[in-house]
N, C-alpha and C. Protein backbone atom coordinates (compact mmCIF):
# COMPACT_ATOMS: atom_id res chain seq x y z
N MET A 1 89.52 121.43 136.27
CA MET A 1 88.64 120.41 135.75
C MET A 1 89.32 119.71 134.58
N GLU A 2 89.16 118.40 134.53
CA GLU A 2 89.75 117.61 133.45
C GLU A 2 89.10 117.96 132.12
N PHE A 3 89.89 117.90 131.06
CA PHE A 3 89.43 118.30 129.73
C PHE A 3 88.17 117.57 129.30
N GLY A 4 88.17 116.26 129.43
CA GLY A 4 87.03 115.46 129.01
C GLY A 4 85.77 115.83 129.78
N ALA A 5 85.91 116.07 131.08
CA ALA A 5 84.77 116.44 131.90
C ALA A 5 84.23 117.81 131.47
N ARG A 6 85.13 118.71 131.12
CA ARG A 6 84.71 120.05 130.68
C ARG A 6 83.97 119.96 129.33
N VAL A 7 84.48 119.15 128.41
CA VAL A 7 83.81 118.97 127.12
C VAL A 7 82.41 118.39 127.34
N LYS A 8 82.31 117.41 128.23
CA LYS A 8 81.01 116.80 128.51
C LYS A 8 80.05 117.84 129.10
N GLU A 9 80.55 118.65 130.01
CA GLU A 9 79.72 119.69 130.64
C GLU A 9 79.17 120.66 129.59
N ILE A 10 80.03 121.11 128.69
CA ILE A 10 79.59 122.04 127.64
C ILE A 10 78.63 121.34 126.69
N ARG A 11 78.96 120.10 126.31
CA ARG A 11 78.11 119.35 125.39
C ARG A 11 76.71 119.14 125.96
N THR A 12 76.64 118.75 127.21
CA THR A 12 75.32 118.52 127.81
C THR A 12 74.56 119.82 128.02
N SER A 13 75.28 120.93 128.28
CA SER A 13 74.58 122.21 128.43
C SER A 13 73.97 122.67 127.10
N LEU A 14 74.57 122.24 126.00
CA LEU A 14 74.04 122.58 124.67
C LEU A 14 73.04 121.54 124.17
N ASN A 15 72.77 120.52 125.01
CA ASN A 15 71.87 119.42 124.66
C ASN A 15 72.32 118.68 123.40
N TYR A 16 73.63 118.47 123.26
CA TYR A 16 74.19 117.70 122.15
C TYR A 16 74.52 116.30 122.65
N SER A 17 74.24 115.32 121.82
CA SER A 17 74.71 113.97 122.12
C SER A 17 76.18 113.90 121.66
N GLN A 18 76.86 112.84 122.03
CA GLN A 18 78.25 112.68 121.59
C GLN A 18 78.31 112.62 120.06
N LYS A 19 77.35 111.92 119.47
CA LYS A 19 77.32 111.80 118.01
C LYS A 19 77.10 113.16 117.35
N GLU A 20 76.16 113.95 117.89
CA GLU A 20 75.89 115.27 117.32
C GLU A 20 77.10 116.18 117.43
N LEU A 21 77.79 116.12 118.58
CA LEU A 21 78.98 116.95 118.76
C LEU A 21 80.07 116.56 117.77
N SER A 22 80.27 115.26 117.58
CA SER A 22 81.31 114.82 116.65
C SER A 22 80.96 115.21 115.22
N GLU A 23 79.66 115.16 114.88
CA GLU A 23 79.25 115.58 113.53
C GLU A 23 79.44 117.08 113.34
N GLN A 24 79.14 117.86 114.38
CA GLN A 24 79.28 119.32 114.29
C GLN A 24 80.74 119.74 114.19
N THR A 25 81.61 119.07 114.94
CA THR A 25 83.03 119.46 114.97
C THR A 25 83.88 118.71 113.97
N GLY A 26 83.41 117.55 113.51
CA GLY A 26 84.22 116.71 112.62
C GLY A 26 85.24 115.89 113.39
N LEU A 27 85.13 115.89 114.72
CA LEU A 27 86.06 115.15 115.57
C LEU A 27 85.30 114.21 116.48
N SER A 28 85.96 113.14 116.90
CA SER A 28 85.37 112.30 117.93
C SER A 28 85.77 112.89 119.27
N GLU A 29 85.05 112.54 120.35
CA GLU A 29 85.38 113.13 121.65
C GLU A 29 86.73 112.65 122.14
N TYR A 30 87.42 113.52 122.81
CA TYR A 30 88.75 113.24 123.35
C TYR A 30 88.67 112.15 124.40
N SER A 31 89.58 111.20 124.34
CA SER A 31 89.65 110.18 125.39
C SER A 31 91.08 110.11 125.89
N THR A 32 91.24 109.85 127.17
CA THR A 32 92.57 109.79 127.76
C THR A 32 93.24 108.51 127.34
N THR A 33 94.55 108.53 127.26
CA THR A 33 95.31 107.35 126.85
C THR A 33 95.62 106.45 128.03
N ALA A 34 95.22 106.84 129.23
CA ALA A 34 95.52 106.03 130.41
C ALA A 34 94.81 104.68 130.34
N ASP A 35 93.66 104.63 129.68
CA ASP A 35 92.90 103.38 129.59
C ASP A 35 93.43 102.44 128.53
N THR A 36 94.21 102.94 127.59
CA THR A 36 94.71 102.09 126.50
C THR A 36 96.11 101.60 126.82
N LYS A 37 96.43 100.46 126.28
CA LYS A 37 97.76 99.90 126.46
C LYS A 37 98.65 100.41 125.34
N PRO A 38 99.96 100.53 125.57
CA PRO A 38 100.84 101.14 124.56
C PRO A 38 100.90 100.37 123.24
N TYR A 39 100.60 99.10 123.24
CA TYR A 39 100.68 98.32 122.02
C TYR A 39 99.34 98.22 121.30
N GLU A 40 98.30 98.85 121.84
CA GLU A 40 97.00 98.83 121.19
C GLU A 40 96.81 100.09 120.35
N PHE A 41 96.11 99.95 119.23
CA PHE A 41 95.78 101.11 118.42
C PHE A 41 94.46 100.85 117.72
N ASN A 42 93.82 101.93 117.38
CA ASN A 42 92.56 101.84 116.65
C ASN A 42 92.77 102.38 115.25
N PHE A 43 92.15 101.75 114.29
CA PHE A 43 92.28 102.17 112.90
C PHE A 43 90.88 102.23 112.32
N THR A 44 90.47 103.40 111.90
CA THR A 44 89.12 103.58 111.38
C THR A 44 89.19 104.13 109.96
N ILE A 45 88.44 103.53 109.08
CA ILE A 45 88.34 104.02 107.71
C ILE A 45 86.88 104.42 107.49
N LYS A 46 86.68 105.64 107.06
CA LYS A 46 85.33 106.09 106.74
C LYS A 46 85.21 106.12 105.22
N ILE A 47 84.42 105.22 104.69
CA ILE A 47 84.25 105.09 103.25
C ILE A 47 82.93 105.75 102.87
N THR A 48 83.02 106.83 102.11
CA THR A 48 81.80 107.49 101.67
C THR A 48 81.53 107.19 100.20
N ASP A 49 82.57 106.88 99.44
CA ASP A 49 82.40 106.59 98.02
C ASP A 49 83.21 105.33 97.70
N MET A 50 82.52 104.22 97.50
CA MET A 50 83.19 102.94 97.28
C MET A 50 84.03 102.96 96.01
N ASN A 51 83.58 103.62 94.96
CA ASN A 51 84.36 103.68 93.72
C ASN A 51 85.68 104.40 93.94
N GLN A 52 85.65 105.49 94.71
CA GLN A 52 86.88 106.21 95.01
C GLN A 52 87.82 105.36 95.85
N PHE A 53 87.23 104.60 96.80
CA PHE A 53 88.03 103.71 97.63
C PHE A 53 88.75 102.66 96.79
N ILE A 54 88.03 102.04 95.85
CA ILE A 54 88.64 101.03 94.97
C ILE A 54 89.73 101.66 94.11
N THR A 55 89.49 102.85 93.60
CA THR A 55 90.50 103.55 92.79
C THR A 55 91.74 103.85 93.62
N ASP A 56 91.53 104.33 94.85
CA ASP A 56 92.67 104.62 95.73
C ASP A 56 93.44 103.36 96.09
N LEU A 57 92.71 102.27 96.33
CA LEU A 57 93.35 101.00 96.65
C LEU A 57 94.18 100.48 95.48
N LYS A 58 93.65 100.59 94.27
CA LYS A 58 94.40 100.18 93.08
C LYS A 58 95.67 101.01 92.93
N THR A 59 95.56 102.32 93.16
CA THR A 59 96.73 103.20 93.07
C THR A 59 97.77 102.83 94.12
N LEU A 60 97.30 102.55 95.33
CA LEU A 60 98.21 102.16 96.41
C LEU A 60 98.98 100.90 96.05
N VAL A 61 98.27 99.90 95.55
CA VAL A 61 98.92 98.63 95.18
C VAL A 61 99.85 98.84 93.99
N LYS A 62 99.42 99.62 93.01
CA LYS A 62 100.24 99.87 91.82
C LYS A 62 101.56 100.56 92.19
N ASN A 63 101.49 101.52 93.10
CA ASN A 63 102.69 102.28 93.47
C ASN A 63 103.56 101.59 94.50
N ASN A 64 103.01 100.61 95.23
CA ASN A 64 103.76 99.99 96.33
C ASN A 64 103.76 98.47 96.25
N TRP A 65 103.64 97.90 95.07
CA TRP A 65 103.51 96.46 94.96
C TRP A 65 104.76 95.72 95.45
N LYS A 66 105.94 96.30 95.26
CA LYS A 66 107.17 95.63 95.71
C LYS A 66 107.21 95.53 97.23
N LEU A 67 106.87 96.62 97.90
CA LEU A 67 106.85 96.63 99.35
C LEU A 67 105.79 95.66 99.88
N ILE A 68 104.62 95.65 99.26
CA ILE A 68 103.55 94.73 99.67
C ILE A 68 104.00 93.29 99.50
N LEU A 69 104.67 92.99 98.39
CA LEU A 69 105.18 91.64 98.15
C LEU A 69 106.19 91.23 99.22
N TRP A 70 107.12 92.12 99.55
CA TRP A 70 108.11 91.84 100.60
C TRP A 70 107.44 91.57 101.94
N ILE A 71 106.45 92.38 102.27
CA ILE A 71 105.74 92.18 103.54
C ILE A 71 105.05 90.82 103.55
N ILE A 72 104.41 90.44 102.45
CA ILE A 72 103.75 89.14 102.37
C ILE A 72 104.77 88.01 102.52
N LEU A 73 105.91 88.13 101.85
CA LEU A 73 106.95 87.10 101.94
C LEU A 73 107.50 86.98 103.36
N ILE A 74 107.75 88.10 104.00
CA ILE A 74 108.29 88.08 105.36
C ILE A 74 107.28 87.48 106.33
N VAL A 75 106.02 87.88 106.23
CA VAL A 75 104.99 87.33 107.11
C VAL A 75 104.83 85.83 106.85
N SER A 76 104.89 85.42 105.61
CA SER A 76 104.80 84.01 105.26
C SER A 76 105.96 83.23 105.86
N PHE A 77 107.15 83.78 105.74
CA PHE A 77 108.34 83.12 106.28
C PHE A 77 108.24 82.99 107.79
N ILE A 78 107.84 84.07 108.46
CA ILE A 78 107.75 84.05 109.92
C ILE A 78 106.67 83.06 110.38
N SER A 79 105.54 83.04 109.73
CA SER A 79 104.45 82.16 110.15
C SER A 79 104.75 80.69 109.86
N ASN A 80 105.62 80.41 108.90
CA ASN A 80 105.96 79.02 108.54
C ASN A 80 107.39 78.66 108.91
N TYR A 81 107.99 79.40 109.82
CA TYR A 81 109.40 79.22 110.15
C TYR A 81 109.70 77.78 110.60
N ASP A 82 108.85 77.22 111.47
CA ASP A 82 109.12 75.87 111.98
C ASP A 82 109.12 74.83 110.87
N GLN A 83 108.18 74.93 109.93
CA GLN A 83 108.13 73.98 108.82
C GLN A 83 109.33 74.16 107.87
N ILE A 84 109.70 75.40 107.64
CA ILE A 84 110.86 75.67 106.77
C ILE A 84 112.13 75.13 107.41
N LYS A 85 112.29 75.38 108.72
CA LYS A 85 113.46 74.90 109.45
C LYS A 85 113.52 73.36 109.42
N ALA A 86 112.37 72.70 109.65
CA ALA A 86 112.33 71.24 109.64
C ALA A 86 112.68 70.70 108.25
N GLY A 87 112.21 71.39 107.20
CA GLY A 87 112.52 70.96 105.85
C GLY A 87 114.00 71.06 105.54
N PHE A 88 114.66 72.13 105.99
CA PHE A 88 116.10 72.26 105.79
C PHE A 88 116.87 71.19 106.55
N ILE A 89 116.45 70.92 107.78
CA ILE A 89 117.14 69.92 108.59
C ILE A 89 116.97 68.54 107.97
N ASP A 90 115.75 68.22 107.53
CA ASP A 90 115.52 66.92 106.87
C ASP A 90 116.33 66.81 105.60
N GLY A 91 116.39 67.88 104.81
CA GLY A 91 117.18 67.87 103.58
C GLY A 91 118.67 67.73 103.86
N TRP A 92 119.14 68.36 104.91
CA TRP A 92 120.54 68.30 105.28
C TRP A 92 120.91 66.89 105.71
N ASN A 93 119.98 66.22 106.39
CA ASN A 93 120.23 64.87 106.89
C ASN A 93 119.79 63.80 105.90
N ASN A 94 119.44 64.20 104.68
CA ASN A 94 119.02 63.28 103.61
C ASN A 94 117.84 62.41 103.99
N LYS A 95 116.84 62.99 104.61
CA LYS A 95 115.64 62.21 104.97
C LYS A 95 114.59 62.39 103.93
């Protein structure tokens, strides 16, 4: 029997909903990766204390501001590449 089917069988025999099972175990139910594409991913943040989240975010930025700046610059360059290229060509040709 497939793992997911077995988990469902046990869960339903205990009269647990998926939500109740995940709360009891601290895990979400297992899902096969066959349905997902290799370039897709899920990212979930569970925020229980907003003040702690803000503090953690400030610490993250404080400790990694150079890397964050580089990422912003690279993304900016890539997204505006055509305009930057056109500007260099126009400048080169004295337009």
